[in-house]
Amino acid sequence: MRRIWRAAALLLLVQAAIGSAAWTGQESKDDAQVQTLYSKARSAQAAGNLAEAAERYEAILAISPKLGAAYNNLGSIYIQLRELRKAAEVLQKGLKINPSMPSASALLGIAQYEMGAYRKRSNS
């Protein structure tokens, strides 16, 4: 279990690094508002206020529903909040938009593992 959370922590660091890079390449119809919300979400996340960060990412997705990095970041927060079903749903949506997000794929695997998707089933 500790290995999984260490891997998740590492993924969060990687996600933070690529999250900003992925963000800069995507456009939104209301770019200024999205950028402001993104900045506030990252600040809240850095301060450990995960509920506020989640609200900001949700607001971003309401404005710009094709922003893959926001799905990735929101899924990461839901995992930290132990809202695993929400995390899986959000990450799957993000991967439909941008299937080449390795951190989203890894986070989805962690969420599914934590929900018991990979437990051995007995034959009885």
N, C-alpha and C. Protein backbone atom coordinates (compact mmCIF):
# COMPACT_ATOMS: atom_id res chain seq x y z
N MET A 1 0.83 -1.19 0.00
CA MET A 1 0.00 0.00 0.00
C MET A 1 0.87 1.25 0.00
N ARG A 2 1.95 1.23 0.78
CA ARG A 2 2.84 2.39 0.82
C ARG A 2 3.47 2.64 -0.54
N ARG A 3 3.80 1.55 -1.25
CA ARG A 3 4.40 1.71 -2.58
C ARG A 3 3.45 2.44 -3.52
N ILE A 4 2.18 2.11 -3.42
CA ILE A 4 1.19 2.74 -4.29
C ILE A 4 1.13 4.23 -4.00
N TRP A 5 1.11 4.59 -2.72
CA TRP A 5 1.02 6.02 -2.38
C TRP A 5 2.32 6.75 -2.70
N ARG A 6 3.44 6.07 -2.60
CA ARG A 6 4.70 6.70 -3.02
C ARG A 6 4.68 6.94 -4.52
N ALA A 7 4.18 5.95 -5.26
CA ALA A 7 4.08 6.09 -6.71
C ALA A 7 3.11 7.22 -7.06
N ALA A 8 2.02 7.31 -6.31
CA ALA A 8 1.05 8.38 -6.55
C ALA A 8 1.67 9.74 -6.28
N ALA A 9 2.44 9.83 -5.21
CA ALA A 9 3.11 11.10 -4.89
C ALA A 9 4.07 11.50 -5.99
N LEU A 10 4.82 10.52 -6.50
CA LEU A 10 5.74 10.80 -7.60
C LEU A 10 4.98 11.25 -8.84
N LEU A 11 3.86 10.57 -9.12
CA LEU A 11 3.05 10.96 -10.27
C LEU A 11 2.52 12.38 -10.12
N LEU A 12 2.17 12.76 -8.89
CA LEU A 12 1.67 14.11 -8.67
C LEU A 12 2.74 15.15 -8.97
N LEU A 13 3.98 14.83 -8.61
CA LEU A 13 5.07 15.75 -8.93
C LEU A 13 5.28 15.85 -10.43
N VAL A 14 5.24 14.70 -11.10
CA VAL A 14 5.40 14.69 -12.55
C VAL A 14 4.22 15.41 -13.19
N GLN A 15 3.02 15.13 -12.69
CA GLN A 15 1.82 15.77 -13.21
C GLN A 15 1.89 17.28 -13.05
N ALA A 16 2.42 17.74 -11.95
CA ALA A 16 2.55 19.19 -11.75
C ALA A 16 3.49 19.79 -12.79
N ALA A 17 4.55 19.07 -13.10
CA ALA A 17 5.50 19.57 -14.09
C ALA A 17 4.92 19.55 -15.49
N ILE A 18 4.24 18.44 -15.86
CA ILE A 18 3.70 18.40 -17.22
C ILE A 18 2.36 19.09 -17.30
N GLY A 19 1.68 19.22 -16.18
CA GLY A 19 0.38 19.90 -16.20
C GLY A 19 0.48 21.29 -16.75
N SER A 20 1.50 22.04 -16.34
CA SER A 20 1.65 23.39 -16.85
C SER A 20 2.04 23.39 -18.31
N ALA A 21 2.86 22.45 -18.72
CA ALA A 21 3.27 22.38 -20.12
C ALA A 21 2.08 22.01 -20.99
N ALA A 22 1.27 21.05 -20.53
CA ALA A 22 0.10 20.64 -21.30
C ALA A 22 -0.91 21.79 -21.38
N TRP A 23 -0.96 22.57 -20.33
CA TRP A 23 -1.90 23.69 -20.27
C TRP A 23 -1.60 24.73 -21.34
N THR A 24 -0.35 25.05 -21.53
CA THR A 24 0.01 26.14 -22.43
C THR A 24 -0.34 25.86 -23.87
N GLY A 25 -0.45 24.61 -24.26
CA GLY A 25 -0.73 24.29 -25.65
C GLY A 25 -2.22 24.23 -25.98
N GLN A 26 -3.10 24.40 -25.03
CA GLN A 26 -4.52 24.27 -25.29
C GLN A 26 -5.19 25.63 -25.19
N GLU A 27 -6.21 25.81 -26.01
CA GLU A 27 -6.91 27.08 -26.04
C GLU A 27 -8.31 26.93 -25.49
N SER A 28 -8.86 28.03 -25.06
CA SER A 28 -10.21 28.07 -24.53
C SER A 28 -10.92 29.29 -25.11
N LYS A 29 -12.24 29.19 -25.22
CA LYS A 29 -12.98 30.33 -25.75
C LYS A 29 -12.94 31.51 -24.80
N ASP A 30 -12.73 31.27 -23.55
CA ASP A 30 -12.64 32.35 -22.57
C ASP A 30 -11.32 32.19 -21.82
N ASP A 31 -10.24 32.35 -22.57
CA ASP A 31 -8.88 32.05 -22.11
C ASP A 31 -8.49 32.78 -20.82
N ALA A 32 -8.80 34.03 -20.72
CA ALA A 32 -8.38 34.81 -19.54
C ALA A 32 -9.02 34.26 -18.27
N GLN A 33 -10.30 33.94 -18.34
CA GLN A 33 -11.00 33.40 -17.17
C GLN A 33 -10.44 32.03 -16.79
N VAL A 34 -10.18 31.21 -17.79
CA VAL A 34 -9.63 29.88 -17.55
C VAL A 34 -8.24 29.99 -16.92
N GLN A 35 -7.43 30.89 -17.42
CA GLN A 35 -6.08 31.07 -16.86
C GLN A 35 -6.14 31.52 -15.41
N THR A 36 -7.05 32.42 -15.10
CA THR A 36 -7.21 32.90 -13.72
C THR A 36 -7.64 31.74 -12.81
N LEU A 37 -8.63 30.98 -13.26
CA LEU A 37 -9.09 29.84 -12.46
C LEU A 37 -7.99 28.80 -12.29
N TYR A 38 -7.22 28.57 -13.35
CA TYR A 38 -6.13 27.59 -13.29
C TYR A 38 -5.09 28.03 -12.26
N SER A 39 -4.75 29.29 -12.27
CA SER A 39 -3.78 29.82 -11.31
C SER A 39 -4.29 29.66 -9.87
N LYS A 40 -5.57 29.96 -9.67
CA LYS A 40 -6.17 29.82 -8.34
C LYS A 40 -6.24 28.35 -7.92
N ALA A 41 -6.54 27.48 -8.87
CA ALA A 41 -6.60 26.04 -8.57
C ALA A 41 -5.23 25.53 -8.14
N ARG A 42 -4.19 25.90 -8.89
CA ARG A 42 -2.83 25.46 -8.56
C ARG A 42 -2.39 26.01 -7.20
N SER A 43 -2.74 27.26 -6.91
CA SER A 43 -2.39 27.85 -5.61
C SER A 43 -3.10 27.12 -4.48
N ALA A 44 -4.39 26.85 -4.66
CA ALA A 44 -5.15 26.13 -3.63
C ALA A 44 -4.58 24.73 -3.43
N GLN A 45 -4.22 24.08 -4.52
CA GLN A 45 -3.65 22.74 -4.45
C GLN A 45 -2.31 22.78 -3.71
N ALA A 46 -1.48 23.75 -4.03
CA ALA A 46 -0.17 23.87 -3.37
C ALA A 46 -0.32 24.16 -1.88
N ALA A 47 -1.39 24.88 -1.52
CA ALA A 47 -1.63 25.21 -0.11
C ALA A 47 -2.32 24.06 0.63
N GLY A 48 -2.66 22.99 -0.10
CA GLY A 48 -3.29 21.84 0.54
C GLY A 48 -4.80 21.97 0.65
N ASN A 49 -5.37 23.00 0.03
CA ASN A 49 -6.82 23.18 0.04
C ASN A 49 -7.41 22.46 -1.17
N LEU A 50 -7.52 21.15 -1.05
CA LEU A 50 -7.91 20.31 -2.17
C LEU A 50 -9.36 20.52 -2.60
N ALA A 51 -10.25 20.78 -1.65
CA ALA A 51 -11.65 20.99 -2.00
C ALA A 51 -11.79 22.24 -2.86
N GLU A 52 -11.10 23.31 -2.49
CA GLU A 52 -11.15 24.54 -3.29
C GLU A 52 -10.52 24.31 -4.67
N ALA A 53 -9.41 23.61 -4.70
CA ALA A 53 -8.76 23.32 -5.98
C ALA A 53 -9.69 22.52 -6.89
N ALA A 54 -10.37 21.53 -6.32
CA ALA A 54 -11.31 20.73 -7.10
C ALA A 54 -12.42 21.61 -7.67
N GLU A 55 -12.94 22.52 -6.87
CA GLU A 55 -13.98 23.43 -7.35
C GLU A 55 -13.48 24.28 -8.51
N ARG A 56 -12.24 24.74 -8.41
CA ARG A 56 -11.67 25.58 -9.49
C ARG A 56 -11.51 24.77 -10.78
N TYR A 57 -11.01 23.53 -10.66
CA TYR A 57 -10.86 22.69 -11.85
C TYR A 57 -12.22 22.36 -12.46
N GLU A 58 -13.23 22.13 -11.62
CA GLU A 58 -14.57 21.87 -12.13
C GLU A 58 -15.09 23.09 -12.89
N ALA A 59 -14.82 24.29 -12.37
CA ALA A 59 -15.23 25.53 -13.05
C ALA A 59 -14.51 25.67 -14.39
N ILE A 60 -13.23 25.31 -14.40
CA ILE A 60 -12.47 25.35 -15.66
C ILE A 60 -13.12 24.43 -16.69
N LEU A 61 -13.47 23.23 -16.28
CA LEU A 61 -14.05 22.26 -17.21
C LEU A 61 -15.44 22.66 -17.67
N ALA A 62 -16.15 23.44 -16.85
CA ALA A 62 -17.45 23.94 -17.28
C ALA A 62 -17.27 24.95 -18.42
N ILE A 63 -16.18 25.70 -18.38
CA ILE A 63 -15.89 26.70 -19.42
C ILE A 63 -15.22 26.05 -20.62
N SER A 64 -14.27 25.18 -20.35
CA SER A 64 -13.46 24.59 -21.42
C SER A 64 -13.40 23.07 -21.24
N PRO A 65 -14.45 22.36 -21.67
CA PRO A 65 -14.55 20.92 -21.41
C PRO A 65 -13.57 20.04 -22.18
N LYS A 66 -12.75 20.62 -23.02
CA LYS A 66 -11.77 19.81 -23.76
C LYS A 66 -10.35 20.02 -23.27
N LEU A 67 -10.20 20.55 -22.08
CA LEU A 67 -8.88 20.82 -21.51
C LEU A 67 -8.39 19.60 -20.73
N GLY A 68 -7.65 18.74 -21.41
CA GLY A 68 -7.20 17.47 -20.84
C GLY A 68 -6.45 17.60 -19.54
N ALA A 69 -5.57 18.59 -19.42
CA ALA A 69 -4.77 18.76 -18.21
C ALA A 69 -5.64 19.01 -16.99
N ALA A 70 -6.77 19.69 -17.17
CA ALA A 70 -7.66 19.96 -16.04
C ALA A 70 -8.31 18.66 -15.54
N TYR A 71 -8.66 17.76 -16.45
CA TYR A 71 -9.20 16.46 -16.04
C TYR A 71 -8.15 15.68 -15.25
N ASN A 72 -6.93 15.72 -15.74
CA ASN A 72 -5.83 15.03 -15.08
C ASN A 72 -5.64 15.56 -13.65
N ASN A 73 -5.58 16.88 -13.52
CA ASN A 73 -5.36 17.48 -12.21
C ASN A 73 -6.54 17.24 -11.27
N LEU A 74 -7.76 17.34 -11.80
CA LEU A 74 -8.94 17.09 -10.98
C LEU A 74 -8.98 15.63 -10.52
N GLY A 75 -8.65 14.71 -11.41
CA GLY A 75 -8.61 13.30 -11.03
C GLY A 75 -7.60 13.04 -9.93
N SER A 76 -6.46 13.70 -10.03
CA SER A 76 -5.42 13.58 -9.02
C SER A 76 -5.92 14.06 -7.65
N ILE A 77 -6.63 15.17 -7.66
CA ILE A 77 -7.18 15.71 -6.41
C ILE A 77 -8.22 14.76 -5.83
N TYR A 78 -9.10 14.24 -6.69
CA TYR A 78 -10.11 13.30 -6.19
C TYR A 78 -9.47 12.07 -5.56
N ILE A 79 -8.37 11.61 -6.11
CA ILE A 79 -7.67 10.48 -5.50
C ILE A 79 -7.18 10.86 -4.12
N GLN A 80 -6.59 12.04 -4.00
CA GLN A 80 -6.10 12.49 -2.70
C GLN A 80 -7.24 12.64 -1.70
N LEU A 81 -8.42 13.04 -2.18
CA LEU A 81 -9.59 13.19 -1.31
C LEU A 81 -10.29 11.85 -1.05
N ARG A 82 -9.77 10.78 -1.67
CA ARG A 82 -10.31 9.42 -1.55
C ARG A 82 -11.71 9.31 -2.18
N GLU A 83 -11.97 10.14 -3.16
CA GLU A 83 -13.21 10.06 -3.95
C GLU A 83 -12.85 9.33 -5.25
N LEU A 84 -12.65 8.03 -5.09
CA LEU A 84 -12.06 7.23 -6.15
C LEU A 84 -12.96 7.06 -7.38
N ARG A 85 -14.24 6.91 -7.18
CA ARG A 85 -15.14 6.77 -8.33
C ARG A 85 -15.16 8.06 -9.16
N LYS A 86 -15.22 9.19 -8.47
CA LYS A 86 -15.16 10.47 -9.17
C LYS A 86 -13.85 10.59 -9.94
N ALA A 87 -12.76 10.19 -9.29
CA ALA A 87 -11.45 10.27 -9.94
C ALA A 87 -11.44 9.44 -11.21
N ALA A 88 -11.92 8.22 -11.12
CA ALA A 88 -11.93 7.34 -12.30
C ALA A 88 -12.78 7.93 -13.42
N GLU A 89 -13.94 8.47 -13.09
CA GLU A 89 -14.81 9.05 -14.11
C GLU A 89 -14.14 10.24 -14.81
N VAL A 90 -13.56 11.12 -14.01
CA VAL A 90 -12.92 12.31 -14.55
C VAL A 90 -11.71 11.93 -15.41
N LEU A 91 -10.91 11.01 -14.94
CA LEU A 91 -9.72 10.60 -15.68
C LEU A 91 -10.10 9.91 -16.99
N GLN A 92 -11.15 9.11 -16.97
CA GLN A 92 -11.61 8.48 -18.21
C GLN A 92 -12.07 9.52 -19.23
N LYS A 93 -12.78 10.55 -18.76
CA LYS A 93 -13.20 11.63 -19.66
C LYS A 93 -11.99 12.33 -20.26
N GLY A 94 -11.01 12.61 -19.41
CA GLY A 94 -9.80 13.27 -19.89
C GLY A 94 -9.06 12.44 -20.91
N LEU A 95 -9.00 11.14 -20.68
CA LEU A 95 -8.30 10.25 -21.62
C LEU A 95 -9.05 10.10 -22.94
N LYS A 96 -10.35 10.27 -22.92
CA LYS A 96 -11.10 10.26 -24.19
C LYS A 96 -10.74 11.49 -25.03
N ILE A 97 -10.50 12.60 -24.35
CA ILE A 97 -10.13 13.84 -25.03
C ILE A 97 -8.68 13.79 -25.50
N ASN A 98 -7.81 13.32 -24.60
CA ASN A 98 -6.39 13.26 -24.91
C ASN A 98 -5.83 11.93 -24.41
N PRO A 99 -5.85 10.88 -25.26
CA PRO A 99 -5.40 9.56 -24.84
C PRO A 99 -3.90 9.47 -24.55
N SER A 100 -3.15 10.49 -24.88
CA SER A 100 -1.70 10.42 -24.68
C SER A 100 -1.24 11.15 -23.42
N MET A 101 -2.04 11.05 -22.35
CA MET A 101 -1.64 11.61 -21.05
C MET A 101 -1.22 10.46 -20.14
N PRO A 102 0.08 10.17 -20.06
CA PRO A 102 0.52 9.02 -19.26
C PRO A 102 0.18 9.17 -17.77
N SER A 103 0.21 10.38 -17.26
CA SER A 103 -0.10 10.55 -15.84
C SER A 103 -1.57 10.25 -15.57
N ALA A 104 -2.46 10.61 -16.49
CA ALA A 104 -3.88 10.30 -16.33
C ALA A 104 -4.11 8.80 -16.37
N SER A 105 -3.41 8.11 -17.27
CA SER A 105 -3.53 6.65 -17.35
C SER A 105 -3.06 6.00 -16.05
N ALA A 106 -1.94 6.47 -15.54
CA ALA A 106 -1.40 5.91 -14.30
C ALA A 106 -2.32 6.21 -13.12
N LEU A 107 -2.82 7.43 -13.05
CA LEU A 107 -3.73 7.80 -11.96
C LEU A 107 -5.03 6.99 -12.04
N LEU A 108 -5.52 6.75 -13.25
CA LEU A 108 -6.71 5.93 -13.41
C LEU A 108 -6.46 4.51 -12.90
N GLY A 109 -5.28 3.98 -13.20
CA GLY A 109 -4.92 2.66 -12.68
C GLY A 109 -4.88 2.62 -11.17
N ILE A 110 -4.34 3.67 -10.56
CA ILE A 110 -4.29 3.76 -9.09
C ILE A 110 -5.70 3.81 -8.52
N ALA A 111 -6.56 4.63 -9.11
CA ALA A 111 -7.94 4.73 -8.62
C ALA A 111 -8.65 3.39 -8.73
N GLN A 112 -8.47 2.72 -9.87
CA GLN A 112 -9.12 1.42 -10.05
C GLN A 112 -8.56 0.39 -9.08
N TYR A 113 -7.26 0.41 -8.86
CA TYR A 113 -6.65 -0.53 -7.92
C TYR A 113 -7.22 -0.30 -6.51
N GLU A 114 -7.28 0.96 -6.11
CA GLU A 114 -7.78 1.29 -4.78
C GLU A 114 -9.25 0.91 -4.61
N MET A 115 -10.00 0.90 -5.72
CA MET A 115 -11.41 0.48 -5.65
C MET A 115 -11.56 -1.04 -5.70
N GLY A 116 -10.45 -1.75 -5.86
CA GLY A 116 -10.48 -3.20 -5.85
C GLY A 116 -10.62 -3.87 -7.19
N ALA A 117 -10.40 -3.13 -8.26
CA ALA A 117 -10.58 -3.69 -9.60
C ALA A 117 -9.59 -4.81 -9.91
N TYR A 118 -8.48 -4.87 -9.22
CA TYR A 118 -7.44 -5.86 -9.57
C TYR A 118 -7.26 -6.92 -8.49
N ARG A 119 -8.18 -7.02 -7.56
CA ARG A 119 -8.06 -8.04 -6.53
C ARG A 119 -8.33 -9.41 -7.12
N LYS A 120 -7.63 -10.41 -6.59
CA LYS A 120 -7.85 -11.78 -7.05
C LYS A 120 -9.24 -12.23 -6.64
N ARG A 121 -9.89 -12.86 -7.56
CA ARG A 121 -11.22 -13.40 -7.27
C ARG A 121 -11.07 -14.89 -7.01
N SER A 122 -11.75 -15.38 -5.98
CA SER A 122 -11.68 -16.81 -5.69
C SER A 122 -12.58 -17.58 -6.65
N ASN A 123 -12.25 -18.81 -6.88
CA ASN A 123 -13.03 -19.65 -7.80
C ASN A 123 -14.24 -20.29 -7.12
N SER A 124 -14.44 -20.00 -5.85
CA SER A 124 -15.57 -20.65 -5.16
C SER A 124 -16.85 -19.89 -5.27
